């Protein structure tokens, strides 16, 4: 079976390549899966596929991938590309951090394993010093190495850890050596960062603190603007679709009322003439006569209302809305992670600036400062700088994912025009609106068979605007109300507040809801 899947995927990829479109194996497999699930009768998932069925899957998948200006296809591409990019960038970021940790561990092991044969083993001491110096050259993240950097690190090393201290260091235990080595590397990094701030050194160090803070702010603002824009777009699509459905319901309702009125008029004429014919037969004859005549002018005008849209257009809007909602969902996911990372970067940036100010206050106008006082400050600066590097790596990964997502910002041609959804007649609808529309029609004498799709979700006849009693349906579901359920606002909402049955069964997009 796995070989069949690989064969189908490869055929789809090759077929699209012949047509001039490059698609990934993941996208090909995803689209093939949608073809299979769209026709479970022909392509039963629990049965072995015949060769001609597999060929049909390949052909249908290629045809779908070759579609142009298809919001549904673009949404599938967006899902595959976003997930693939997110995972790839996350793996690359973690790999980069692991490689750095591996480099540090390798240097640390090489240094702590150096031992002296005797007290006069100067070759071992020289080897140890060179290894420490080499480690310090590579310790600072994103640091460049040249002669100036080497001289600066050599001077800092001689100041913090003179050669005379090597004999004492080499006699320590492995754990003590490792601890002192990491402390030494952070202190020297802190010294270089302070010298850079003072304009007296810091060669090879980039402005990661300022650049990362700027990147975090810009990225957060860009995503916030995208979220605001597409939240508004989704709202407009939703209102337009609701308006189209409401117009359709209103037109059907008016036609039902006119039919009812013709029935009533026919009945009244029959009563006036004293005819004893059966009411239903006479009404049927009246309906047949009315059907042979031209429709009322008002109804004719409704049919040609320029604001009314066809079912095909509404279906297109629904696909575009689903695409925009998916794009918005990915944006909000990135927004949460980037805002969290931004908060951490800002905290680290402020801490670095504070430590630099503290060190400057300690050394200003002083010939010398006790190392017990100033070295812990340098150690703190180096430690925070390393924390910042880890956050920056994650931030860059999220930024790359956002750039990949932006390719699908306008990957199809929107068909919703502004003059439609800007109509003042558009308003939000709710479950209550659907209930009131149906009950009003019932009070006016509408037939039970004439109910529209909203009737599937009718509230019970005992509904009251002030008090809605708890109702037990035959299915076992209970409709709870605010007035009769004391802890109504504390009830947990699953599926972000959406009804799972409606998600599966409803043939149209869901209305947005509030989960609080």
Protein backbone atom coordinates (compact mmCIF):
# COMPACT_ATOMS: atom_id res chain seq x y z
CA UNK A 1 0.00 0.00 0.00
CA UNK A 2 2.85 2.38 0.79
CA UNK A 3 4.34 1.70 -2.63
CA UNK A 4 1.00 2.60 -4.24
CA UNK A 5 0.91 5.89 -2.34
CA UNK A 6 4.45 6.77 -3.42
CA UNK A 7 3.65 5.85 -7.01
CA UNK A 8 0.50 8.02 -7.03
CA UNK A 9 2.37 10.96 -5.52
CA UNK A 10 5.21 10.71 -8.04
CA UNK A 11 2.77 10.56 -10.95
CA UNK A 12 0.99 13.67 -9.68
CA UNK A 13 4.29 15.54 -9.28
CA UNK A 14 5.43 14.54 -12.78
CA UNK A 15 2.07 15.39 -14.33
CA UNK A 16 2.12 18.87 -12.81
CA UNK A 17 5.74 19.34 -13.90
CA UNK A 18 4.77 18.56 -17.50
CA UNK A 19 2.13 21.30 -17.23
CA UNK A 20 4.78 23.72 -15.96
CA UNK A 21 3.90 23.70 -12.25
CA UNK A 22 6.22 22.46 -9.54
CA UNK A 23 4.47 20.90 -6.55
CA UNK A 24 5.91 19.18 -3.51
CA UNK A 25 5.32 15.58 -2.56
CA UNK A 26 3.48 16.70 0.57
CA UNK A 27 1.07 18.90 -1.39
CA UNK A 28 0.48 16.16 -3.96
CA UNK A 29 -0.31 13.64 -1.22
CA UNK A 30 -2.59 16.14 0.52
CA UNK A 31 -4.60 16.87 -2.62
CA UNK A 32 -4.83 13.16 -3.48
CA UNK A 33 -6.24 12.57 -0.03
CA UNK A 34 -8.94 15.20 -0.59
CA UNK A 35 -9.87 13.49 -3.87
CA UNK A 36 -10.25 10.15 -2.08
CA UNK A 37 -12.33 11.58 0.76
CA UNK A 38 -14.56 13.54 -1.62
CA UNK A 39 -15.90 10.30 -3.14
CA UNK A 40 -15.84 7.53 -0.55
CA UNK A 41 -18.17 5.42 -2.68
CA UNK A 42 -15.82 5.15 -5.64
CA UNK A 43 -12.64 5.30 -3.57
CA UNK A 44 -13.53 3.28 -0.48
CA UNK A 45 -10.69 3.78 2.00
CA UNK A 46 -11.02 0.28 3.46
CA UNK A 47 -10.73 -1.51 0.12
CA UNK A 48 -7.84 -2.14 -2.23
CA UNK A 49 -7.71 0.30 -5.13
CA UNK A 50 -7.79 -1.02 -8.66
CA UNK A 51 -5.27 0.34 -11.20
CA UNK A 52 -7.89 2.40 -13.03
CA UNK A 53 -9.06 3.90 -9.72
CA UNK A 54 -5.52 4.98 -8.89
CA UNK A 55 -5.25 6.54 -12.34
CA UNK A 56 -8.49 8.43 -11.71
CA UNK A 57 -7.04 9.76 -8.45
CA UNK A 58 -3.92 10.94 -10.29
CA UNK A 59 -5.91 12.64 -13.06
CA UNK A 60 -8.33 14.37 -10.67
CA UNK A 61 -5.46 15.49 -8.43
CA UNK A 62 -3.54 16.97 -11.36
CA UNK A 63 -6.65 18.73 -12.63
CA UNK A 64 -7.26 20.23 -9.23
CA UNK A 65 -3.64 21.35 -8.82
CA UNK A 66 -3.79 23.03 -12.23
CA UNK A 67 -6.79 25.14 -11.26
CA UNK A 68 -6.30 28.88 -11.33
CA UNK A 69 -7.82 31.43 -8.98
CA UNK A 70 -9.20 28.73 -6.67
CA UNK A 71 -9.48 29.86 -3.00
CA UNK A 72 -9.98 26.28 -1.78
CA UNK A 73 -6.84 25.04 -3.55
CA UNK A 74 -4.86 28.06 -2.34
CA UNK A 75 -5.97 27.27 1.20
CA UNK A 76 -4.62 23.73 0.90
CA UNK A 77 -1.34 25.08 -0.47
CA UNK A 78 -1.19 27.57 2.38
CA UNK A 79 -1.77 24.87 5.00
CA UNK A 80 0.93 22.62 3.57
CA UNK A 81 3.43 25.44 3.05
CA UNK A 82 2.84 26.98 6.48
CA UNK A 83 3.15 23.70 8.38
CA UNK A 84 6.22 22.65 6.38
CA UNK A 85 7.92 26.03 6.80
CA UNK A 86 7.11 26.24 10.49
CA UNK A 87 8.54 22.79 11.19
CA UNK A 88 11.60 23.39 9.01
CA UNK A 89 12.39 26.74 10.60
CA UNK A 90 11.85 25.35 14.08
CA UNK A 91 14.17 22.41 13.35
CA UNK A 92 16.80 24.76 11.89
CA UNK A 93 16.61 27.02 14.93
CA UNK A 94 16.95 24.13 17.36
CA UNK A 95 19.77 22.68 15.26
CA UNK A 96 21.62 26.00 15.39
CA UNK A 97 21.33 26.10 19.16
CA UNK A 98 22.38 22.46 19.47
CA UNK A 99 25.45 23.04 17.29
CA UNK A 100 26.51 25.93 19.50
CA UNK A 101 26.00 23.85 22.65
CA UNK A 102 27.96 21.04 21.01
CA UNK A 103 30.80 23.43 20.15
CA UNK A 104 30.92 24.72 23.74
CA UNK A 105 30.87 21.19 25.14
CA UNK A 106 33.67 20.07 22.81
CA UNK A 107 35.93 23.00 23.80
CA UNK A 108 35.11 22.48 27.46
CA UNK A 109 35.98 18.79 27.32
CA UNK A 110 39.27 19.47 25.49
CA UNK A 111 40.26 22.02 28.13
CA UNK A 112 39.33 20.14 31.30
CA UNK A 113 41.12 16.97 30.06
CA UNK A 114 44.52 18.73 29.88
CA UNK A 115 46.81 17.48 32.66
CA UNK A 116 50.38 18.22 33.74
CA UNK A 117 52.95 15.45 33.88
CA UNK A 118 54.89 17.30 36.59
CA UNK A 119 55.27 20.80 38.03
CA UNK A 120 57.64 21.78 35.21
CA UNK A 121 55.36 20.68 32.34
CA UNK A 122 55.23 24.09 30.64
CA UNK A 123 54.15 22.52 27.36
CA UNK A 124 50.89 21.40 28.97
CA UNK A 125 50.31 24.89 30.39
CA UNK A 126 50.94 26.45 26.97
CA UNK A 127 48.55 23.99 25.33
CA UNK A 128 45.92 24.74 27.96
CA UNK A 129 46.21 28.50 27.47
CA UNK A 130 45.92 28.19 23.70
CA UNK A 131 42.83 26.03 23.99
CA UNK A 132 41.20 28.53 26.37
CA UNK A 133 42.07 31.38 23.99
CA UNK A 134 40.61 29.49 21.02
CA UNK A 135 37.45 28.76 22.98
CA UNK A 136 37.00 32.45 23.82
CA UNK A 137 37.36 33.37 20.14
CA UNK A 138 34.34 31.20 19.28
CA UNK A 139 32.29 31.72 22.44
CA UNK A 140 30.52 34.98 21.56
CA UNK A 141 27.48 34.31 19.29
CA UNK A 142 27.65 35.82 15.80
CA UNK A 143 31.11 37.18 16.52
CA UNK A 144 33.64 37.77 13.75
CA UNK A 145 37.29 36.89 14.17
CA UNK A 146 40.24 38.97 13.01
CA UNK A 147 43.53 40.31 14.37
CA UNK A 148 41.81 43.12 16.27
CA UNK A 149 39.44 40.66 17.96
CA UNK A 150 42.33 38.36 18.86
CA UNK A 151 44.30 41.20 20.48
CA UNK A 152 41.23 42.35 22.43
CA UNK A 153 40.46 38.86 23.76
CA UNK A 154 44.13 38.22 24.60
CA UNK A 155 44.26 41.43 26.64
CA UNK A 156 41.00 40.60 28.46
CA UNK A 157 42.15 37.04 29.17
CA UNK A 158 45.48 38.20 30.59
CA UNK A 159 43.65 40.67 32.79
CA UNK A 160 41.02 38.28 34.11
CA UNK A 161 42.99 35.01 34.06
CA UNK A 162 46.77 35.56 33.97
CA UNK A 163 49.06 32.71 32.95
CA UNK A 164 50.28 32.33 36.53
CA UNK A 165 46.86 31.03 37.46
CA UNK A 166 47.08 28.09 35.09
CA UNK A 167 48.79 25.82 37.61
CA UNK A 168 46.03 26.36 40.13
CA UNK A 169 43.34 25.85 37.47
CA UNK A 170 44.80 22.60 36.14
CA UNK A 171 44.78 21.04 39.59
CA UNK A 172 41.03 21.52 40.04
CA UNK A 173 38.44 18.77 39.53
CA UNK A 174 36.60 18.36 36.23
CA UNK A 175 33.45 20.01 37.60
CA UNK A 176 35.35 22.94 39.08
CA UNK A 177 37.29 23.44 35.84
CA UNK A 178 34.10 23.45 33.79
CA UNK A 179 32.40 25.93 36.14
CA UNK A 180 35.32 28.35 36.19
CA UNK A 181 35.79 28.08 32.42
CA UNK A 182 32.18 29.07 31.70
CA UNK A 183 32.37 31.88 34.23
CA UNK A 184 35.58 33.14 32.61
CA UNK A 185 34.02 33.10 29.13
CA UNK A 186 30.94 35.05 30.28
CA UNK A 187 33.05 37.64 32.11
CA UNK A 188 35.24 38.29 29.08
CA UNK A 189 32.15 38.52 26.86
CA UNK A 190 30.69 41.04 29.31
CA UNK A 191 33.91 43.07 29.24
CA UNK A 192 33.86 43.19 25.44
CA UNK A 193 30.21 44.27 25.42
CA UNK A 194 30.91 47.04 27.93
CA UNK A 195 33.91 48.24 25.92
CA UNK A 196 31.73 48.30 22.80
CA UNK A 197 29.15 50.41 24.61
CA UNK A 198 31.89 52.81 25.68
CA UNK A 199 33.35 52.94 22.19
CA UNK A 200 36.67 51.50 23.30
CA UNK A 201 36.46 47.96 21.96
CA UNK A 202 33.95 45.19 21.30
CA UNK A 203 35.42 44.39 17.90
CA UNK A 204 33.57 41.66 16.03
CA UNK A 205 30.41 41.91 18.15
CA UNK A 206 27.21 42.84 16.33
CA UNK A 207 24.36 45.01 17.65
CA UNK A 208 22.19 42.00 18.41
CA UNK A 209 20.49 43.73 21.34
CA UNK A 210 19.31 46.80 19.43
CA UNK A 211 18.64 44.92 16.18
CA UNK A 212 16.60 42.20 17.87
CA UNK A 213 14.52 44.73 19.78
CA UNK A 214 13.81 46.59 16.54
CA UNK A 215 12.99 43.36 14.69
CA UNK A 216 10.60 42.26 17.44
CA UNK A 217 8.73 45.58 17.41
CA UNK A 218 8.48 45.80 13.61
CA UNK A 219 7.42 42.17 13.25
CA UNK A 220 4.81 42.53 15.98
CA UNK A 221 3.39 45.66 14.35
CA UNK A 222 3.29 44.08 10.88
CA UNK A 223 1.40 41.03 12.13
CA UNK A 224 -0.97 43.18 14.19
CA UNK A 225 -1.81 45.19 11.06
CA UNK A 226 -2.38 41.99 9.09
CA UNK A 227 -4.62 40.57 11.82
CA UNK A 228 -6.67 43.76 11.93
CA UNK A 229 -7.00 43.91 8.14
CA UNK A 230 -8.05 40.30 7.66
CA UNK A 231 -10.31 40.27 10.71
CA UNK A 232 -12.17 43.13 9.04
CA UNK A 233 -12.14 41.26 5.71
CA UNK A 234 -13.61 38.12 7.32
CA UNK A 235 -16.28 40.24 8.98
CA UNK A 236 -17.22 41.79 5.64
CA UNK A 237 -17.39 38.41 3.92
CA UNK A 238 -19.53 37.07 6.75
CA UNK A 239 -21.92 40.02 6.58
CA UNK A 240 -22.17 39.76 2.78
CA UNK A 241 -22.99 36.04 2.92
CA UNK A 242 -25.55 36.62 5.66
CA UNK A 243 -27.13 39.38 3.61
CA UNK A 244 -27.36 37.12 0.56
CA UNK A 245 -29.02 34.35 2.59
CA UNK A 246 -31.39 36.81 4.24
CA UNK A 247 -32.44 38.21 0.85
CA UNK A 248 -33.07 34.69 -0.37
CA UNK A 249 -35.17 33.90 2.70
CA UNK A 250 -37.04 37.17 2.41
CA UNK A 251 -37.88 36.58 -1.25
CA UNK A 252 -39.10 33.05 -0.52
CA UNK A 253 -41.12 34.31 2.42
CA UNK A 254 -42.77 37.02 0.30
CA UNK A 255 -43.63 34.48 -2.36
CA UNK A 256 -45.18 32.23 0.29
CA UNK A 257 -47.21 35.15 1.61
CA UNK A 258 -48.47 36.01 -1.88
CA UNK A 259 -49.40 32.40 -2.48
CA UNK A 260 -51.21 32.35 0.82
CA UNK A 261 -52.99 35.58 -0.08
CA UNK A 262 -54.14 34.14 -3.43
CA UNK A 263 -55.46 31.10 -1.58
CA UNK A 264 -57.36 33.35 0.81
CA UNK A 265 -58.80 35.48 -2.00
CA UNK A 266 -59.87 32.38 -3.89
CA UNK A 267 -61.56 31.05 -0.79
CA UNK A 268 -63.38 34.33 -0.24
CA UNK A 269 -64.66 34.37 -3.86
CA UNK A 270 -65.83 30.82 -3.46
CA UNK A 271 -67.69 31.71 -0.22
CA UNK A 272 -69.25 34.74 -1.90
CA UNK A 273 -70.51 32.66 -4.84
CA UNK A 274 -71.90 30.02 -2.50
CA UNK A 275 -70.05 27.30 -4.31
CA UNK A 276 -69.98 23.97 -2.44
CA UNK A 277 -66.84 22.69 -4.07
CA UNK A 278 -64.07 21.36 -1.86
CA UNK A 279 -61.84 24.11 -0.48
CA UNK A 280 -58.61 22.44 -1.45
CA UNK A 281 -59.77 21.69 -4.98
CA UNK A 282 -60.88 25.28 -5.49
CA UNK A 283 -57.67 26.63 -4.04
CA UNK A 284 -55.68 24.38 -6.33
CA UNK A 285 -57.60 25.66 -9.35
CA UNK A 286 -57.00 29.23 -8.25
CA UNK A 287 -53.29 28.53 -7.88
CA UNK A 288 -53.15 26.99 -11.33
CA UNK A 289 -54.85 30.03 -12.81
CA UNK A 290 -52.53 32.39 -10.94
CA UNK A 291 -49.49 30.44 -12.07
CA UNK A 292 -50.48 30.94 -15.73
CA UNK A 293 -50.42 34.71 -15.24
CA UNK A 294 -47.37 36.95 -15.04
CA UNK A 295 -45.89 37.34 -11.50
CA UNK A 296 -46.72 40.45 -9.48
CA UNK A 297 -44.64 43.50 -10.26
CA UNK A 298 -43.16 43.62 -6.78
CA UNK A 299 -41.88 40.06 -7.04
CA UNK A 300 -40.50 40.71 -10.50
CA UNK A 301 -38.58 43.68 -9.16
CA UNK A 302 -37.20 41.55 -6.35
CA UNK A 303 -35.89 38.97 -8.77
CA UNK A 304 -34.04 41.64 -10.71
CA UNK A 305 -32.72 43.38 -7.60
CA UNK A 306 -29.09 44.22 -8.48
CA UNK A 307 -28.04 43.57 -4.88
CA UNK A 308 -29.13 39.94 -5.03
CA UNK A 309 -26.46 37.41 -5.84
CA UNK A 310 -26.60 33.91 -7.23
CA UNK A 311 -25.90 30.75 -5.27
CA UNK A 312 -22.69 30.33 -7.29
CA UNK A 313 -21.40 33.70 -6.11
CA UNK A 314 -22.31 32.94 -2.50
CA UNK A 315 -20.47 29.63 -2.78
CA UNK A 316 -17.42 31.49 -4.10
CA UNK A 317 -17.61 33.94 -1.21
CA UNK A 318 -17.82 31.03 1.22
CA UNK A 319 -14.60 29.56 -0.18
CA UNK A 320 -12.89 32.93 -0.05
CA UNK A 321 -14.03 33.38 3.55
CA UNK A 322 -12.68 29.95 4.51
CA UNK A 323 -9.35 30.88 2.91
CA UNK A 324 -9.20 34.21 4.74
CA UNK A 325 -10.15 32.61 8.04
CA UNK A 326 -7.37 30.05 7.65
CA UNK A 327 -4.87 32.80 6.85
CA UNK A 328 -6.10 34.77 9.86
CA UNK A 329 -5.83 31.69 12.08
CA UNK A 330 -2.17 31.21 11.13
CA UNK A 331 -1.55 34.91 11.69
CA UNK A 332 -2.99 34.78 15.20
CA UNK A 333 -0.90 31.71 16.04
CA UNK A 334 2.26 33.53 14.95
CA UNK A 335 1.12 36.69 16.71
CA UNK A 336 0.87 34.91 20.06
CA UNK A 337 4.33 33.39 19.74
CA UNK A 338 5.96 36.57 18.42
CA UNK A 339 4.40 38.73 21.13
CA UNK A 340 5.71 36.31 23.75
CA UNK A 341 9.18 36.37 22.19
CA UNK A 342 8.99 40.16 21.86
CA UNK A 343 8.22 40.47 25.57
CA UNK A 344 11.23 38.31 26.47
CA UNK A 345 13.55 40.20 24.12
CA UNK A 346 12.43 43.57 25.52
CA UNK A 347 13.02 42.35 29.07
CA UNK A 348 16.48 41.05 28.18
CA UNK A 349 17.32 44.25 26.28
CA UNK A 350 16.32 46.39 29.25
CA UNK A 351 18.32 44.18 31.59
CA UNK A 352 21.42 44.50 29.40
CA UNK A 353 21.07 48.28 29.35
CA UNK A 354 20.61 48.36 33.11
CA UNK A 355 23.70 46.21 33.73
CA UNK A 356 25.78 48.39 31.41
CA UNK A 357 24.66 51.48 33.32
CA UNK A 358 25.51 49.82 36.64
CA UNK A 359 28.99 48.86 35.46
CA UNK A 360 29.58 52.36 34.13
CA UNK A 361 28.59 53.79 37.50
CA UNK A 362 31.06 51.44 39.23
CA UNK A 363 34.09 52.26 37.10
CA UNK A 364 33.49 55.94 36.37
CA UNK A 365 36.17 58.26 37.77
CA UNK A 366 37.97 55.39 39.48
CA UNK A 367 41.49 54.12 38.90
CA UNK A 368 40.66 50.60 40.01
CA UNK A 369 37.63 48.57 41.10
CA UNK A 370 37.75 45.35 43.14
CA UNK A 371 37.21 42.37 40.85
CA UNK A 372 34.85 40.87 43.43
CA UNK A 373 32.54 43.81 42.73
CA UNK A 374 32.80 44.29 38.97
CA UNK A 375 33.32 40.73 37.67
CA UNK A 376 29.84 39.54 38.73
CA UNK A 377 28.42 42.46 36.72
CA UNK A 378 30.34 41.41 33.62
CA UNK A 379 29.25 37.81 34.21
CA UNK A 380 25.62 38.96 34.34
CA UNK A 381 25.97 40.91 31.08
CA UNK A 382 27.47 37.87 29.33
CA UNK A 383 24.76 35.56 30.68
CA UNK A 384 21.93 37.81 29.55
CA UNK A 385 23.57 38.22 26.12
CA UNK A 386 23.53 34.44 25.63
CA UNK A 387 19.84 34.33 26.63
CA UNK A 388 19.14 37.04 24.08
CA UNK A 389 20.85 35.00 21.36
CA UNK A 390 18.52 32.04 21.97
CA UNK A 391 15.44 34.26 21.74
CA UNK A 392 16.74 35.92 18.58
CA UNK A 393 17.19 32.55 16.88
CA UNK A 394 13.57 31.67 17.63
CA UNK A 395 12.37 35.13 16.54
CA UNK A 396 14.14 34.83 13.18
CA UNK A 397 12.52 31.43 12.63
CA UNK A 398 9.07 32.92 13.25
CA UNK A 399 9.88 35.87 10.98
CA UNK A 400 10.80 33.48 8.14
CA UNK A 401 7.56 31.57 8.71
CA UNK A 402 5.60 34.83 8.52
CA UNK A 403 7.31 35.72 5.23
CA UNK A 404 6.35 32.33 3.80
CA UNK A 405 2.74 32.82 4.93
CA UNK A 406 2.56 36.27 3.31
CA UNK A 407 2.84 34.62 -0.13
CA UNK A 408 -0.80 33.59 0.29
CA UNK A 409 -2.03 37.02 1.36
CA UNK A 410 -3.70 37.62 -2.02
CA UNK A 411 -3.12 34.35 -3.87
CA UNK A 412 -6.55 34.57 -5.54
CA UNK A 413 -8.74 37.34 -6.95
CA UNK A 414 -11.34 38.44 -4.36
CA UNK A 415 -14.84 38.75 -5.84
CA UNK A 416 -16.56 40.60 -3.00
CA UNK A 417 -17.07 44.25 -3.95
CA UNK A 418 -17.17 47.02 -1.39
CA UNK A 419 -20.49 48.48 -2.54
CA UNK A 420 -22.22 45.24 -1.53
CA UNK A 421 -21.15 44.82 2.07
CA UNK A 422 -21.23 48.59 2.72
CA UNK A 423 -25.02 48.52 2.34
CA UNK A 424 -26.60 49.69 5.58
CA UNK A 425 -29.14 46.85 5.47
CA UNK A 426 -26.47 44.32 6.46
CA UNK A 427 -26.61 43.29 10.08
CA UNK A 428 -25.39 40.44 12.21
CA UNK A 429 -27.80 37.54 12.69
CA UNK A 430 -28.04 35.02 15.47
CA UNK A 431 -29.91 31.93 16.53
CA UNK A 432 -32.65 34.16 17.92
CA UNK A 433 -33.03 35.92 14.57
CA UNK A 434 -33.59 32.62 12.84
CA UNK A 435 -36.09 31.59 15.48
CA UNK A 436 -38.05 34.86 15.26
CA UNK A 437 -38.16 34.70 11.46
CA UNK A 438 -39.65 31.20 11.56
CA UNK A 439 -42.12 31.85 14.37
CA UNK A 440 -43.29 35.06 12.70
CA UNK A 441 -43.94 33.14 9.51
CA UNK A 442 -45.80 30.50 11.51
CA UNK A 443 -48.01 33.13 13.15
CA UNK A 444 -48.84 34.55 9.71
CA UNK A 445 -50.01 31.16 8.50
CA UNK A 446 -46.94 29.88 6.69
CA UNK A 447 -46.82 26.17 5.98
CA UNK A 448 -44.47 23.90 7.91
CA UNK A 449 -42.99 22.63 4.68
CA UNK A 450 -41.92 26.16 3.68
CA UNK A 451 -39.37 26.58 6.47
CA UNK A 452 -35.84 27.38 5.30
CA UNK A 453 -32.58 25.92 6.56
CA UNK A 454 -32.66 27.98 9.75
CA UNK A 455 -35.63 25.89 10.79
CA UNK A 456 -33.24 23.03 11.49
CA UNK A 457 -32.07 24.98 14.54
CA UNK A 458 -35.47 26.26 15.80
CA UNK A 459 -35.84 26.99 19.50
CA UNK A 460 -38.85 25.47 21.34
CA UNK A 461 -42.29 27.08 21.27
CA UNK A 462 -41.92 28.07 24.95
CA UNK A 463 -39.14 30.52 24.10
CA UNK A 464 -39.40 33.92 25.76
CA UNK A 465 -37.06 36.87 25.31
CA UNK A 466 -36.80 37.34 29.08
CA UNK A 467 -36.59 33.73 30.28
CA UNK A 468 -35.49 30.77 28.21
CA UNK A 469 -36.13 27.55 30.17
CA UNK A 470 -33.79 24.58 30.02
CA UNK A 471 -35.07 22.23 27.32
CA UNK A 472 -34.31 18.53 26.90
CA UNK A 473 -34.37 17.41 23.26
CA UNK A 474 -35.16 13.83 22.15
CA UNK A 475 -31.48 13.40 21.25
CA UNK A 476 -30.53 13.90 24.90
CA UNK A 477 -28.99 17.37 24.38
CA UNK A 478 -30.02 20.06 26.85
CA UNK A 479 -30.36 23.72 25.92
CA UNK A 480 -29.30 25.77 28.95
CA UNK A 481 -30.36 29.36 29.53
CA UNK A 482 -28.75 32.22 31.43
CA UNK A 483 -31.82 32.76 33.64
CA UNK A 484 -32.17 29.18 34.92
CA UNK A 485 -28.49 28.16 35.12
CA UNK A 486 -26.68 30.02 37.95
CA UNK A 487 -23.16 29.18 36.70
CA UNK A 488 -23.97 29.70 33.02
CA UNK A 489 -21.06 32.12 32.42
CA UNK A 490 -18.64 29.67 34.07
CA UNK A 491 -19.52 26.71 31.85
CA UNK A 492 -16.48 25.48 29.89
CA UNK A 493 -16.68 25.82 26.11
CA UNK A 494 -15.11 23.15 23.94
CA UNK A 495 -14.11 23.64 20.28
CA UNK A 496 -13.65 27.37 20.99
CA UNK A 497 -17.39 27.74 21.45
CA UNK A 498 -18.50 26.11 18.20
CA UNK A 499 -21.12 23.37 18.08
CA UNK A 500 -19.41 20.17 16.84
CA UNK A 501 -22.62 18.87 15.24
CA UNK A 502 -23.00 22.11 13.27
CA UNK A 503 -19.36 21.99 12.19
CA UNK A 504 -19.97 18.59 10.57
CA UNK A 505 -23.52 18.94 9.31
CA UNK A 506 -24.04 22.61 8.41
CA UNK A 507 -23.55 23.23 4.67
CA UNK A 508 -22.27 26.78 5.11
CA UNK A 509 -19.58 28.74 7.00
CA UNK A 510 -20.05 29.22 10.72
CA UNK A 511 -20.65 32.59 12.32
CA UNK A 512 -17.88 33.84 14.56
CA UNK A 513 -18.67 33.61 18.25
CA UNK A 514 -17.34 34.95 21.53
CA UNK A 515 -15.97 32.40 23.98
CA UNK A 516 -16.06 34.75 26.98
